[in-house]
Each structure stands twice: as C-alpha cells, then as structure tokens.
C-alpha cells in the first residue's frame, strides 16, 4: 500500500501542532475521542480520516481547520 503524501503531510502537521501545545499523543487522542493507536496512524499518515474526525482533532487542539490543511 502506498501512503499518500498529503496524508503524511497532514499527520506531520497534527504532530507539530500537538507538540507545540505540549500535549501527548495519548492525551490528544483522549480529548478528541479517538483511540490512541488510531491517532498514531493519523500522525504517520497511515489513515485517511473523515472530515468529522479532522474537526474533532481541531476542536481538541483548539485550532481552526485551516492550520492543519
């Protein structure tokens, strides 16, 4: 399976924002209502997530979706 470069870039951006806010991956997953292992998949660009999940991550990070895209 080939990973889409856009998914990898999105996941990298999620990780950058999360780390800049001093939030652990586990804590962000909890805040967004996402399983921790699934959050890891998102950050590695291995999952093509729904728009709803994207907004849940943005809400947890308290950022506008434009920051991640």
PDB file of N, CA and C in Angstrom:
ATOM      1  N   UNK A   1       0.847  -1.195   0.000  1.00  0.00           N
ATOM      2  CA  UNK A   1       0.000   0.000   0.000  1.00  0.00           C
ATOM      3  C   UNK A   1       0.883   1.247   0.000  1.00  0.00           C
ATOM      4  N   UNK A   2       0.625   2.142  -0.921  1.00  0.00           N
ATOM      5  CA  UNK A   2       1.367   3.389  -0.995  1.00  0.00           C
ATOM      6  C   UNK A   2       0.667   4.439  -0.146  1.00  0.00           C
ATOM      7  N   UNK A   3       1.456   5.123   0.661  1.00  0.00           N
ATOM      8  CA  UNK A   3       0.894   6.163   1.502  1.00  0.00           C
ATOM      9  C   UNK A   3       0.847   7.467   0.709  1.00  0.00           C
ATOM     10  N   UNK A   4      -0.280   8.134   0.763  1.00  0.00           N
ATOM     11  CA  UNK A   4      -0.472   9.414   0.077  1.00  0.00           C
ATOM     12  C   UNK A   4       0.343  10.493   0.779  1.00  0.00           C
ATOM     13  N   UNK A   5       1.137  11.206   0.026  1.00  0.00           N
ATOM     14  CA  UNK A   5       1.996  12.257   0.599  1.00  0.00           C
ATOM     15  C   UNK A   5       1.187  13.325   1.318  1.00  0.00           C
ATOM     16  N   UNK A   6      -0.028  13.563   0.862  1.00  0.00           N
ATOM     17  CA  UNK A   6      -0.877  14.568   1.520  1.00  0.00           C
ATOM     18  C   UNK A   6      -1.306  14.095   2.895  1.00  0.00           C
ATOM     19  N   UNK A   7      -1.571  12.801   3.032  1.00  0.00           N
ATOM     20  CA  UNK A   7      -1.941  12.253   4.338  1.00  0.00           C
ATOM     21  C   UNK A   7      -0.753  12.320   5.297  1.00  0.00           C
ATOM     22  N   UNK A   8       0.429  12.048   4.775  1.00  0.00           N
ATOM     23  CA  UNK A   8       1.636  12.132   5.601  1.00  0.00           C
ATOM     24  C   UNK A   8       1.854  13.568   6.052  1.00  0.00           C
ATOM     25  N   UNK A   9       1.685  14.528   5.141  1.00  0.00           N
ATOM     26  CA  UNK A   9       1.864  15.942   5.480  1.00  0.00           C
ATOM     27  C   UNK A   9       0.840  16.386   6.521  1.00  0.00           C
ATOM     28  N   UNK A  10      -0.395  15.926   6.380  1.00  0.00           N
ATOM     29  CA  UNK A  10      -1.440  16.261   7.348  1.00  0.00           C
ATOM     30  C   UNK A  10      -1.078  15.712   8.722  1.00  0.00           C
ATOM     31  N   UNK A  11      -0.690  14.450   8.768  1.00  0.00           N
ATOM     32  CA  UNK A  11      -0.313  13.827  10.035  1.00  0.00           C
ATOM     33  C   UNK A  11       0.867  14.525  10.689  1.00  0.00           C
ATOM     34  N   UNK A  12       1.836  14.908   9.878  1.00  0.00           N
ATOM     35  CA  UNK A  12       3.002  15.630  10.396  1.00  0.00           C
ATOM     36  C   UNK A  12       2.568  16.953  11.008  1.00  0.00           C
ATOM     37  N   UNK A  13       1.635  17.613  10.357  1.00  0.00           N
ATOM     38  CA  UNK A  13       1.143  18.903  10.860  1.00  0.00           C
ATOM     39  C   UNK A  13       0.396  18.716  12.177  1.00  0.00           C
ATOM     40  N   UNK A  14      -0.415  17.668  12.273  1.00  0.00           N
ATOM     41  CA  UNK A  14      -1.112  17.371  13.531  1.00  0.00           C
ATOM     42  C   UNK A  14      -0.081  17.191  14.639  1.00  0.00           C
ATOM     43  N   UNK A  15       0.961  16.409  14.368  1.00  0.00           N
ATOM     44  CA  UNK A  15       2.004  16.156  15.361  1.00  0.00           C
ATOM     45  C   UNK A  15       2.707  17.456  15.766  1.00  0.00           C
ATOM     46  N   UNK A  16       3.033  18.295  14.780  1.00  0.00           N
ATOM     47  CA  UNK A  16       3.714  19.564  15.070  1.00  0.00           C
ATOM     48  C   UNK A  16       2.871  20.449  15.987  1.00  0.00           C
ATOM     49  N   UNK A  17       1.601  20.581  15.663  1.00  0.00           N
ATOM     50  CA  UNK A  17       0.715  21.431  16.467  1.00  0.00           C
ATOM     51  C   UNK A  17       0.549  20.839  17.866  1.00  0.00           C
ATOM     52  N   UNK A  18       0.343  19.528  17.922  1.00  0.00           N
ATOM     53  CA  UNK A  18       0.175  18.856  19.216  1.00  0.00           C
ATOM     54  C   UNK A  18       1.400  19.084  20.099  1.00  0.00           C
ATOM     55  N   UNK A  19       2.575  18.879  19.547  1.00  0.00           N
ATOM     56  CA  UNK A  19       3.811  19.046  20.325  1.00  0.00           C
ATOM     57  C   UNK A  19       4.023  20.501  20.727  1.00  0.00           C
ATOM     58  N   UNK A  20       3.672  21.433  19.840  1.00  0.00           N
ATOM     59  CA  UNK A  20       3.850  22.856  20.163  1.00  0.00           C
ATOM     60  C   UNK A  20       2.969  23.279  21.327  1.00  0.00           C
ATOM     61  N   UNK A  21       1.872  22.531  21.535  1.00  0.00           N
ATOM     62  CA  UNK A  21       0.961  22.822  22.637  1.00  0.00           C
ATOM     63  C   UNK A  21       1.276  21.984  23.873  1.00  0.00           C
ATOM     64  N   UNK A  22       2.323  21.162  23.787  1.00  0.00           N
ATOM     65  CA  UNK A  22       2.732  20.353  24.922  1.00  0.00           C
ATOM     66  C   UNK A  22       1.750  19.256  25.290  1.00  0.00           C
ATOM     67  N   UNK A  23       1.073  18.727  24.280  1.00  0.00           N
ATOM     68  CA  UNK A  23       0.063  17.689  24.514  1.00  0.00           C
ATOM     69  C   UNK A  23       0.628  16.344  24.042  1.00  0.00           C
ATOM     70  N   UNK A  24       0.495  15.326  24.856  1.00  0.00           N
ATOM     71  CA  UNK A  24       0.940  13.995  24.444  1.00  0.00           C
ATOM     72  C   UNK A  24      -0.042  13.426  23.417  1.00  0.00           C
ATOM     73  N   UNK A  25       0.443  12.469  22.653  1.00  0.00           N
ATOM     74  CA  UNK A  25      -0.416  11.818  21.674  1.00  0.00           C
ATOM     75  C   UNK A  25      -1.596  11.144  22.374  1.00  0.00           C
ATOM     76  N   UNK A  26      -1.315  10.517  23.494  1.00  0.00           N
ATOM     77  CA  UNK A  26      -2.364   9.844  24.253  1.00  0.00           C
ATOM     78  C   UNK A  26      -3.421  10.834  24.740  1.00  0.00           C
ATOM     79  N   UNK A  27      -2.985  11.988  25.231  1.00  0.00           N
ATOM     80  CA  UNK A  27      -3.912  13.000  25.732  1.00  0.00           C
ATOM     81  C   UNK A  27      -4.754  13.576  24.591  1.00  0.00           C
ATOM     82  N   UNK A  28      -4.124  13.857  23.450  1.00  0.00           N
ATOM     83  CA  UNK A  28      -4.877  14.383  22.307  1.00  0.00           C
ATOM     84  C   UNK A  28      -5.928  13.373  21.859  1.00  0.00           C
ATOM     85  N   UNK A  29      -5.538  12.111  21.798  1.00  0.00           N
ATOM     86  CA  UNK A  29      -6.500  11.071  21.405  1.00  0.00           C
ATOM     87  C   UNK A  29      -7.689  11.066  22.353  1.00  0.00           C
ATOM     88  N   UNK A  30      -7.412  11.150  23.641  1.00  0.00           N
ATOM     89  CA  UNK A  30      -8.481  11.179  24.643  1.00  0.00           C
ATOM     90  C   UNK A  30      -9.365  12.406  24.460  1.00  0.00           C
ATOM     91  N   UNK A  31      -8.748  13.562  24.259  1.00  0.00           N
ATOM     92  CA  UNK A  31      -9.502  14.808  24.096  1.00  0.00           C
ATOM     93  C   UNK A  31     -10.382  14.793  22.848  1.00  0.00           C
ATOM     94  N   UNK A  32      -9.899  14.113  21.800  1.00  0.00           N
ATOM     95  CA  UNK A  32     -10.626  14.082  20.523  1.00  0.00           C
ATOM     96  C   UNK A  32     -11.556  12.877  20.425  1.00  0.00           C
ATOM     97  N   UNK A  33     -11.543  12.008  21.430  1.00  0.00           N
ATOM     98  CA  UNK A  33     -12.395  10.826  21.391  1.00  0.00           C
ATOM     99  C   UNK A  33     -11.944   9.799  20.366  1.00  0.00           C
ATOM    100  N   UNK A  34     -10.622   9.700  20.194  1.00  0.00           N
ATOM    101  CA  UNK A  34     -10.028   8.800  19.208  1.00  0.00           C
ATOM    102  C   UNK A  34      -9.113   7.830  19.950  1.00  0.00           C
ATOM    103  N   UNK A  35      -9.102   6.586  19.532  1.00  0.00           N
ATOM    104  CA  UNK A  35      -8.185   5.608  20.124  1.00  0.00           C
ATOM    105  C   UNK A  35      -6.737   6.057  19.920  1.00  0.00           C
ATOM    106  N   UNK A  36      -5.883   5.838  20.924  1.00  0.00           N
ATOM    107  CA  UNK A  36      -4.503   6.302  20.859  1.00  0.00           C
ATOM    108  C   UNK A  36      -3.742   5.692  19.676  1.00  0.00           C
ATOM    109  N   UNK A  37      -3.952   4.412  19.424  1.00  0.00           N
ATOM    110  CA  UNK A  37      -3.244   3.777  18.308  1.00  0.00           C
ATOM    111  C   UNK A  37      -3.721   4.344  16.971  1.00  0.00           C
ATOM    112  N   UNK A  38      -5.009   4.680  16.886  1.00  0.00           N
ATOM    113  CA  UNK A  38      -5.544   5.298  15.669  1.00  0.00           C
ATOM    114  C   UNK A  38      -4.934   6.687  15.472  1.00  0.00           C
ATOM    115  N   UNK A  39      -4.742   7.421  16.573  1.00  0.00           N
ATOM    116  CA  UNK A  39      -4.108   8.737  16.491  1.00  0.00           C
ATOM    117  C   UNK A  39      -2.690   8.598  15.945  1.00  0.00           C
ATOM    118  N   UNK A  40      -1.990   7.569  16.387  1.00  0.00           N
ATOM    119  CA  UNK A  40      -0.646   7.315  15.857  1.00  0.00           C
ATOM    120  C   UNK A  40      -0.681   7.062  14.365  1.00  0.00           C
ATOM    121  N   UNK A  41      -1.677   6.304  13.927  1.00  0.00           N
ATOM    122  CA  UNK A  41      -1.837   6.052  12.487  1.00  0.00           C
ATOM    123  C   UNK A  41      -2.092   7.346  11.724  1.00  0.00           C
ATOM    124  N   UNK A  42      -2.887   8.219  12.298  1.00  0.00           N
ATOM    125  CA  UNK A  42      -3.183   9.512  11.665  1.00  0.00           C
ATOM    126  C   UNK A  42      -1.898  10.322  11.542  1.00  0.00           C
ATOM    127  N   UNK A  43      -1.141  10.406  12.637  1.00  0.00           N
ATOM    128  CA  UNK A  43       0.080  11.215  12.628  1.00  0.00           C
ATOM    129  C   UNK A  43       1.140  10.661  11.680  1.00  0.00           C
ATOM    130  N   UNK A  44       1.110   9.370  11.423  1.00  0.00           N
ATOM    131  CA  UNK A  44       2.059   8.770  10.477  1.00  0.00           C
ATOM    132  C   UNK A  44       1.532   8.802   9.040  1.00  0.00           C
ATOM    133  N   UNK A  45       0.316   9.310   8.852  1.00  0.00           N
ATOM    134  CA  UNK A  45      -0.264   9.398   7.516  1.00  0.00           C
ATOM    135  C   UNK A  45      -0.757   8.067   6.989  1.00  0.00           C
ATOM    136  N   UNK A  46      -1.062   7.148   7.899  1.00  0.00           N
ATOM    137  CA  UNK A  46      -1.489   5.814   7.507  1.00  0.00           C
ATOM    138  C   UNK A  46      -3.001   5.676   7.406  1.00  0.00           C
ATOM    139  N   UNK A  47      -3.743   6.653   7.873  1.00  0.00           N
ATOM    140  CA  UNK A  47      -5.206   6.597   7.840  1.00  0.00           C
ATOM    141  C   UNK A  47      -5.763   7.808   7.107  1.00  0.00           C
ATOM    142  N   UNK A  48      -6.729   7.553   6.252  1.00  0.00           N
ATOM    143  CA  UNK A  48      -7.449   8.600   5.550  1.00  0.00           C
ATOM    144  C   UNK A  48      -8.696   8.891   6.388  1.00  0.00           C
ATOM    145  N   UNK A  49      -8.609   9.899   7.242  1.00  0.00           N
ATOM    146  CA  UNK A  49      -9.671  10.136   8.210  1.00  0.00           C
ATOM    147  C   UNK A  49     -10.812  10.964   7.620  1.00  0.00           C
ATOM    148  N   UNK A  50     -11.941  10.893   8.282  1.00  0.00           N
ATOM    149  CA  UNK A  50     -13.108  11.648   7.846  1.00  0.00           C
ATOM    150  C   UNK A  50     -12.968  13.129   8.229  1.00  0.00           C
ATOM    151  N   UNK A  51     -13.765  13.928   7.597  1.00  0.00           N
ATOM    152  CA  UNK A  51     -13.800  15.344   7.931  1.00  0.00           C
ATOM    153  C   UNK A  51     -14.248  15.534   9.376  1.00  0.00           C
ATOM    154  N   UNK A  52     -15.178  14.705   9.831  1.00  0.00           N
ATOM    155  CA  UNK A  52     -15.652  14.780  11.216  1.00  0.00           C
ATOM    156  C   UNK A  52     -14.502  14.560  12.190  1.00  0.00           C
ATOM    157  N   UNK A  53     -13.669  13.543  11.943  1.00  0.00           N
ATOM    158  CA  UNK A  53     -12.520  13.286  12.812  1.00  0.00           C
ATOM    159  C   UNK A  53     -11.538  14.456  12.764  1.00  0.00           C
ATOM    160  N   UNK A  54     -11.377  15.041  11.595  1.00  0.00           N
ATOM    161  CA  UNK A  54     -10.480  16.196  11.464  1.00  0.00           C
ATOM    162  C   UNK A  54     -10.966  17.335  12.346  1.00  0.00           C
ATOM    163  N   UNK A  55     -12.267  17.597  12.316  1.00  0.00           N
ATOM    164  CA  UNK A  55     -12.822  18.655  13.166  1.00  0.00           C
ATOM    165  C   UNK A  55     -12.702  18.313  14.646  1.00  0.00           C
ATOM    166  N   UNK A  56     -12.844  17.045  14.994  1.00  0.00           N
ATOM    167  CA  UNK A  56     -12.696  16.642  16.398  1.00  0.00           C
ATOM    168  C   UNK A  56     -11.262  16.887  16.880  1.00  0.00           C
ATOM    169  N   UNK A  57     -10.281  16.615  16.023  1.00  0.00           N
ATOM    170  CA  UNK A  57      -8.884  16.891  16.364  1.00  0.00           C
ATOM    171  C   UNK A  57      -8.678  18.396  16.508  1.00  0.00           C
ATOM    172  N   UNK A  58      -9.239  19.168  15.582  1.00  0.00           N
ATOM    173  CA  UNK A  58      -9.117  20.630  15.647  1.00  0.00           C
ATOM    174  C   UNK A  58      -9.762  21.182  16.908  1.00  0.00           C
ATOM    175  N   UNK A  59     -10.923  20.669  17.266  1.00  0.00           N
ATOM    176  CA  UNK A  59     -11.590  21.113  18.492  1.00  0.00           C
ATOM    177  C   UNK A  59     -10.730  20.804  19.707  1.00  0.00           C
ATOM    178  N   UNK A  60     -10.149  19.613  19.732  1.00  0.00           N
ATOM    179  CA  UNK A  60      -9.305  19.227  20.863  1.00  0.00           C
ATOM    180  C   UNK A  60      -8.067  20.115  20.962  1.00  0.00           C
ATOM    181  N   UNK A  61      -7.509  20.482  19.802  1.00  0.00           N
ATOM    182  CA  UNK A  61      -6.322  21.345  19.778  1.00  0.00           C
ATOM    183  C   UNK A  61      -6.681  22.826  19.887  1.00  0.00           C
ATOM    184  N   UNK A  62      -7.967  23.114  19.808  1.00  0.00           N
ATOM    185  CA  UNK A  62      -8.476  24.493  19.829  1.00  0.00           C
ATOM    186  C   UNK A  62      -7.850  25.344  18.721  1.00  0.00           C
ATOM    187  N   UNK A  63      -7.932  24.791  17.497  1.00  0.00           N
ATOM    188  CA  UNK A  63      -7.407  25.485  16.337  1.00  0.00           C
ATOM    189  C   UNK A  63      -8.425  25.439  15.201  1.00  0.00           C
ATOM    190  N   UNK A  64      -8.243  26.323  14.239  1.00  0.00           N
ATOM    191  CA  UNK A  64      -9.057  26.324  13.029  1.00  0.00           C
ATOM    192  C   UNK A  64      -8.529  25.240  12.094  1.00  0.00           C
ATOM    193  N   UNK A  65      -9.411  24.610  11.379  1.00  0.00           N
ATOM    194  CA  UNK A  65      -9.012  23.526  10.460  1.00  0.00           C
ATOM    195  C   UNK A  65      -7.979  23.986   9.438  1.00  0.00           C
ATOM    196  N   UNK A  66      -7.997  25.258   9.085  1.00  0.00           N
ATOM    197  CA  UNK A  66      -7.058  25.789   8.097  1.00  0.00           C
ATOM    198  C   UNK A  66      -5.600  25.609   8.529  1.00  0.00           C
ATOM    199  N   UNK A  67      -5.365  25.529   9.822  1.00  0.00           N
ATOM    200  CA  UNK A  67      -3.998  25.360  10.324  1.00  0.00           C
ATOM    201  C   UNK A  67      -3.447  23.980   9.959  1.00  0.00           C
ATOM    202  N   UNK A  68      -4.320  22.996   9.836  1.00  0.00           N
ATOM    203  CA  UNK A  68      -3.867  21.642   9.526  1.00  0.00           C
ATOM    204  C   UNK A  68      -3.829  21.340   8.040  1.00  0.00           C
ATOM    205  N   UNK A  69      -4.532  22.122   7.260  1.00  0.00           N
ATOM    206  CA  UNK A  69      -4.626  21.810   5.817  1.00  0.00           C
ATOM    207  C   UNK A  69      -3.766  22.764   5.010  1.00  0.00           C
TER     208      UNK A  69
END
